[in-house]
Structures are given as C-alpha cells and as structure tokens.
Amino acid sequence: MPFELQLRYSTPLGAVRDLDEALRTFLAHVGYLREEESDQASVAYRLVRECFLGAPGRAWAVEELTATLQTTKPTMYRHLNRLKSLDLLEEVTLSPEEARGRKGYRLRYGNLARAWDFVEANAQNALKRYREGVDHIQTLLDEAGKTKAKVDKA
C-alpha cells in the first residue's frame, strides 16, 4: 500500500485543551478525516479514538471492529486502508485462539507518538525523493537549454 500523507500548514494544537477536538483537528489535517467524518459519532473517528487509542496495544480483527463500531466490512476496510496508507497501523497475525490465524490491526508500536515517528520517517523519505526528482528535472532543463543554445548558434 502506498504511503500517503496530506501536508498543510496549520497552527500548533497546544492551545486546544479538549482531547477530542485536538484529535479531530489533527486527523483532518493529515487527511484521514474528511469533512463529513469529523464529528465524534463517525465511524472513522470512533475507529481511531475508541479502538486504536482506547486499546493501543490490542490487535483487532476486522470482524471485531465491524461489530464494535456497528458498520459494514467494506466501510471498515476503507477506513483501515486510509490509516494503513498513513502507516499508523501495523498488520499482525492474530493468535489461533483469537481468530484462527487471521490478520489483525493495531496502532504501530502500541503508541501514537511512536507510530508518528514512523510516519515522519516516511515523509522525510518521500520529500527526499521529490527533491531528487526536482533536481533531475532541473538537470534535464539545463541540458535542454544548452542544446537549444547550440542549435540557435548554428
């Protein structure tokens, strides 16, 4: 799954004293929550707040998440895939007692701050690749300009 992170300049959340308000704002800033999902009752928000932050070290089977949040599997997979694209979640194999060896999902490292370290590393790598692309394009432009100048002189 490709890494995707929405970047936008925003004011720091340090002045926000309400956990739910800060979390909703943060999740919207990074592109996880959409406008229609920003209230506390939305499946997208509750998935993060109640499940992954409520029990950060726990591995959840899709069926458990679907039942807990009273939604459908396609909806659950849509939200899980968005969180996975941010690299906040990790896939784990559930123990045979839990779910007969199926996949489960949990917050990476069982800690939001540590999971975000992983996101930041991915973002830095992505920005480095963008820089390499920009430098390569500029080199090609410079070479094309030199070739054009030679043709114009001839």
C-alpha atoms as a PDB file:
ATOM      1  CA  MET A   1       0.000   0.000   0.000  1.00  0.00           C
ATOM      2  CA  PRO A   2       1.451   3.407  -0.904  1.00  0.00           C
ATOM      3  CA  PHE A   3       2.303   5.913   1.794  1.00  0.00           C
ATOM      4  CA  GLU A   4       0.014   8.951   1.635  1.00  0.00           C
ATOM      5  CA  LEU A   5       0.109  11.975   3.887  1.00  0.00           C
ATOM      6  CA  GLN A   6      -1.653  15.267   3.358  1.00  0.00           C
ATOM      7  CA  LEU A   7       0.598  18.164   4.323  1.00  0.00           C
ATOM      8  CA  ARG A   8      -0.743  21.574   5.149  1.00  0.00           C
ATOM      9  CA  TYR A   9       0.482  24.407   7.237  1.00  0.00           C
ATOM     10  CA  SER A  10      -1.507  24.588  10.449  1.00  0.00           C
ATOM     11  CA  THR A  11      -1.280  26.244  13.803  1.00  0.00           C
ATOM     12  CA  PRO A  12       0.005  24.118  16.680  1.00  0.00           C
ATOM     13  CA  LEU A  13      -2.659  22.303  18.681  1.00  0.00           C
ATOM     14  CA  GLY A  14      -1.030  23.056  22.051  1.00  0.00           C
ATOM     15  CA  ALA A  15      -3.677  25.616  22.979  1.00  0.00           C
ATOM     16  CA  VAL A  16      -6.512  23.131  22.419  1.00  0.00           C
ATOM     17  CA  ARG A  17      -7.376  21.597  25.803  1.00  0.00           C
ATOM     18  CA  ASP A  18     -10.105  19.203  24.653  1.00  0.00           C
ATOM     19  CA  LEU A  19      -8.699  15.819  23.582  1.00  0.00           C
ATOM     20  CA  ASP A  20     -11.481  15.078  21.109  1.00  0.00           C
ATOM     21  CA  GLU A  21     -11.222  18.486  19.456  1.00  0.00           C
ATOM     22  CA  ALA A  22      -7.433  18.199  19.170  1.00  0.00           C
ATOM     23  CA  LEU A  23      -7.636  14.664  17.786  1.00  0.00           C
ATOM     24  CA  ARG A  24     -10.346  15.545  15.238  1.00  0.00           C
ATOM     25  CA  THR A  25      -8.361  18.569  14.066  1.00  0.00           C
ATOM     26  CA  PHE A  26      -5.143  16.565  13.786  1.00  0.00           C
ATOM     27  CA  LEU A  27      -6.782  13.687  11.890  1.00  0.00           C
ATOM     28  CA  ALA A  28      -8.351  16.176   9.472  1.00  0.00           C
ATOM     29  CA  HIS A  29      -5.018  17.949   8.944  1.00  0.00           C
ATOM     30  CA  VAL A  30      -3.213  14.753   7.948  1.00  0.00           C
ATOM     31  CA  GLY A  31      -6.007  13.790   5.555  1.00  0.00           C
ATOM     32  CA  TYR A  32      -7.568  10.900   7.464  1.00  0.00           C
ATOM     33  CA  LEU A  33     -10.865  12.534   8.429  1.00  0.00           C
ATOM     34  CA  ARG A  34     -12.981  14.083   5.744  1.00  0.00           C
ATOM     35  CA  GLU A  35     -15.394  16.921   6.454  1.00  0.00           C
ATOM     36  CA  GLU A  36     -18.397  14.588   6.765  1.00  0.00           C
ATOM     37  CA  GLU A  37     -16.467  12.321   9.180  1.00  0.00           C
ATOM     38  CA  SER A  38     -15.290  14.963  11.624  1.00  0.00           C
ATOM     39  CA  ASP A  39     -17.950  14.506  14.310  1.00  0.00           C
ATOM     40  CA  GLN A  40     -17.377  12.239  17.287  1.00  0.00           C
ATOM     41  CA  ALA A  41     -20.078   9.793  16.164  1.00  0.00           C
ATOM     42  CA  SER A  42     -18.483   8.987  12.803  1.00  0.00           C
ATOM     43  CA  VAL A  43     -17.083   5.509  12.241  1.00  0.00           C
ATOM     44  CA  ALA A  44     -13.784   6.972  11.048  1.00  0.00           C
ATOM     45  CA  TYR A  45     -13.279   8.987  14.222  1.00  0.00           C
ATOM     46  CA  ARG A  46     -14.506   6.279  16.596  1.00  0.00           C
ATOM     47  CA  LEU A  47     -12.193   3.722  14.958  1.00  0.00           C
ATOM     48  CA  VAL A  48      -9.179   5.791  15.966  1.00  0.00           C
ATOM     49  CA  ARG A  49     -10.445   7.187  19.281  1.00  0.00           C
ATOM     50  CA  GLU A  50     -12.284   4.238  20.787  1.00  0.00           C
ATOM     51  CA  CYS A  51     -10.465   1.293  19.270  1.00  0.00           C
ATOM     52  CA  PHE A  52      -6.878   2.128  18.370  1.00  0.00           C
ATOM     53  CA  LEU A  53      -6.270   4.813  21.001  1.00  0.00           C
ATOM     54  CA  GLY A  54      -8.610   3.261  23.551  1.00  0.00           C
ATOM     55  CA  ALA A  55      -6.655  -0.003  23.469  1.00  0.00           C
ATOM     56  CA  PRO A  56      -3.409   0.936  21.662  1.00  0.00           C
ATOM     57  CA  GLY A  57      -1.588  -2.359  22.078  1.00  0.00           C
ATOM     58  CA  ARG A  58      -4.536  -4.532  21.142  1.00  0.00           C
ATOM     59  CA  ALA A  59      -4.740  -6.245  17.764  1.00  0.00           C
ATOM     60  CA  TRP A  60      -8.240  -6.022  16.305  1.00  0.00           C
ATOM     61  CA  ALA A  61      -9.804  -8.406  13.809  1.00  0.00           C
ATOM     62  CA  VAL A  62     -11.947  -6.730  11.163  1.00  0.00           C
ATOM     63  CA  GLU A  63     -14.988  -8.593  12.450  1.00  0.00           C
ATOM     64  CA  GLU A  64     -14.416  -7.198  15.962  1.00  0.00           C
ATOM     65  CA  LEU A  65     -14.076  -3.669  14.660  1.00  0.00           C
ATOM     66  CA  THR A  66     -17.165  -4.061  12.493  1.00  0.00           C
ATOM     67  CA  ALA A  67     -19.218  -5.286  15.463  1.00  0.00           C
ATOM     68  CA  THR A  68     -17.838  -2.700  17.898  1.00  0.00           C
ATOM     69  CA  LEU A  69     -18.491   0.217  15.551  1.00  0.00           C
ATOM     70  CA  GLN A  70     -21.706  -1.258  14.098  1.00  0.00           C
ATOM     71  CA  THR A  71     -20.718  -0.836  10.487  1.00  0.00           C
ATOM     72  CA  THR A  72     -20.079  -2.944   7.401  1.00  0.00           C
ATOM     73  CA  LYS A  73     -16.877  -4.693   6.372  1.00  0.00           C
ATOM     74  CA  PRO A  74     -16.435  -2.541   3.243  1.00  0.00           C
ATOM     75  CA  THR A  75     -16.701   0.620   5.362  1.00  0.00           C
ATOM     76  CA  MET A  76     -14.267  -0.779   7.891  1.00  0.00           C
ATOM     77  CA  TYR A  77     -11.742  -1.754   5.215  1.00  0.00           C
ATOM     78  CA  ARG A  78     -11.998   1.727   3.671  1.00  0.00           C
ATOM     79  CA  HIS A  79     -11.060   3.352   6.990  1.00  0.00           C
ATOM     80  CA  LEU A  80      -8.386   0.770   7.792  1.00  0.00           C
ATOM     81  CA  ASN A  81      -6.799   1.296   4.385  1.00  0.00           C
ATOM     82  CA  ARG A  82      -6.650   5.055   4.950  1.00  0.00           C
ATOM     83  CA  LEU A  83      -4.927   4.532   8.299  1.00  0.00           C
ATOM     84  CA  LYS A  84      -2.591   1.961   6.753  1.00  0.00           C
ATOM     85  CA  SER A  85      -1.666   4.410   3.986  1.00  0.00           C
ATOM     86  CA  LEU A  86      -0.522   6.804   6.720  1.00  0.00           C
ATOM     87  CA  ASP A  87       1.473   3.911   8.217  1.00  0.00           C
ATOM     88  CA  LEU A  88      -0.105   4.434  11.629  1.00  0.00           C
ATOM     89  CA  LEU A  89      -1.295   0.827  11.730  1.00  0.00           C
ATOM     90  CA  GLU A  90       0.507  -2.433  11.508  1.00  0.00           C
ATOM     91  CA  GLU A  91      -0.909  -5.762  10.391  1.00  0.00           C
ATOM     92  CA  VAL A  92      -0.363  -8.637  12.767  1.00  0.00           C
ATOM     93  CA  THR A  93      -1.338 -12.279  12.699  1.00  0.00           C
ATOM     94  CA  LEU A  94      -3.849 -12.947  15.420  1.00  0.00           C
ATOM     95  CA  SER A  95      -3.205 -15.880  17.693  1.00  0.00           C
ATOM     96  CA  PRO A  96      -5.063 -19.101  16.886  1.00  0.00           C
ATOM     97  CA  GLU A  97      -7.230 -18.632  19.973  1.00  0.00           C
ATOM     98  CA  GLU A  98      -8.225 -15.122  18.894  1.00  0.00           C
ATOM     99  CA  ALA A  99      -9.068 -15.593  15.251  1.00  0.00           C
ATOM    100  CA  ARG A 100      -7.640 -18.785  13.760  1.00  0.00           C
ATOM    101  CA  GLY A 101      -4.517 -17.103  12.346  1.00  0.00           C
ATOM    102  CA  ARG A 102      -6.260 -14.247  10.517  1.00  0.00           C
ATOM    103  CA  LYS A 103      -4.899 -10.728  10.192  1.00  0.00           C
ATOM    104  CA  GLY A 104      -5.444  -8.134  12.843  1.00  0.00           C
ATOM    105  CA  TYR A 105      -4.658  -4.438  13.008  1.00  0.00           C
ATOM    106  CA  ARG A 106      -3.211  -2.335  15.788  1.00  0.00           C
ATOM    107  CA  LEU A 107      -1.651   1.043  16.313  1.00  0.00           C
ATOM    108  CA  ARG A 108       2.008   0.765  15.301  1.00  0.00           C
ATOM    109  CA  TYR A 109       4.150   0.119  18.397  1.00  0.00           C
ATOM    110  CA  GLY A 110       1.003   0.469  20.545  1.00  0.00           C
ATOM    111  CA  ASN A 111       1.731   4.179  20.942  1.00  0.00           C
ATOM    112  CA  LEU A 112       0.593   7.159  18.863  1.00  0.00           C
ATOM    113  CA  ALA A 113       3.799   9.159  19.324  1.00  0.00           C
ATOM    114  CA  ARG A 114       5.994   6.210  18.315  1.00  0.00           C
ATOM    115  CA  ALA A 115       3.713   5.408  15.380  1.00  0.00           C
ATOM    116  CA  TRP A 116       4.033   9.022  14.253  1.00  0.00           C
ATOM    117  CA  ASP A 117       7.838   8.675  14.275  1.00  0.00           C
ATOM    118  CA  PHE A 118       7.350   6.069  11.552  1.00  0.00           C
ATOM    119  CA  VAL A 119       5.103   8.441   9.588  1.00  0.00           C
ATOM    120  CA  GLU A 120       7.686  11.218   9.852  1.00  0.00           C
ATOM    121  CA  ALA A 121      10.431   8.916   8.557  1.00  0.00           C
ATOM    122  CA  ASN A 122       8.252   8.017   5.574  1.00  0.00           C
ATOM    123  CA  ALA A 123       7.501  11.700   4.961  1.00  0.00           C
ATOM    124  CA  GLN A 124      11.204  12.577   5.038  1.00  0.00           C
ATOM    125  CA  ASN A 125      11.950   9.795   2.557  1.00  0.00           C
ATOM    126  CA  ALA A 126       9.130  10.973   0.289  1.00  0.00           C
ATOM    127  CA  LEU A 127      10.387  14.574   0.389  1.00  0.00           C
ATOM    128  CA  LYS A 128      13.916  13.353  -0.365  1.00  0.00           C
ATOM    129  CA  ARG A 129      12.585  11.507  -3.444  1.00  0.00           C
ATOM    130  CA  TYR A 130      10.707  14.630  -4.543  1.00  0.00           C
ATOM    131  CA  ARG A 131      13.930  16.637  -4.202  1.00  0.00           C
ATOM    132  CA  GLU A 132      15.793  14.073  -6.303  1.00  0.00           C
ATOM    133  CA  GLY A 133      13.058  14.326  -8.933  1.00  0.00           C
ATOM    134  CA  VAL A 134      13.193  18.138  -8.948  1.00  0.00           C
ATOM    135  CA  ASP A 135      16.989  18.106  -9.230  1.00  0.00           C
ATOM    136  CA  HIS A 136      16.812  15.602 -12.098  1.00  0.00           C
ATOM    137  CA  ILE A 137      14.213  17.676 -13.961  1.00  0.00           C
ATOM    138  CA  GLN A 138      16.305  20.811 -13.450  1.00  0.00           C
ATOM    139  CA  THR A 139      19.371  18.995 -14.846  1.00  0.00           C
ATOM    140  CA  LEU A 140      17.351  17.927 -17.888  1.00  0.00           C
ATOM    141  CA  LEU A 141      16.102  21.500 -18.340  1.00  0.00           C
ATOM    142  CA  ASP A 142      19.663  22.830 -18.094  1.00  0.00           C
ATOM    143  CA  GLU A 143      20.872  20.264 -20.649  1.00  0.00           C
ATOM    144  CA  ALA A 144      17.960  21.049 -22.963  1.00  0.00           C
ATOM    145  CA  GLY A 145      18.803  24.763 -22.659  1.00  0.00           C
ATOM    146  CA  LYS A 146      22.431  24.126 -23.592  1.00  0.00           C
ATOM    147  CA  THR A 147      21.363  22.001 -26.575  1.00  0.00           C
ATOM    148  CA  LYS A 148      18.915  24.699 -27.702  1.00  0.00           C
ATOM    149  CA  ALA A 149      21.625  27.361 -27.370  1.00  0.00           C
ATOM    150  CA  LYS A 150      23.984  25.292 -29.544  1.00  0.00           C
ATOM    151  CA  VAL A 151      21.260  24.797 -32.188  1.00  0.00           C
ATOM    152  CA  ASP A 152      20.438  28.513 -32.171  1.00  0.00           C
ATOM    153  CA  LYS A 153      24.115  29.440 -32.720  1.00  0.00           C
ATOM    154  CA  ALA A 154      24.445  27.052 -35.661  1.00  0.00           C
END
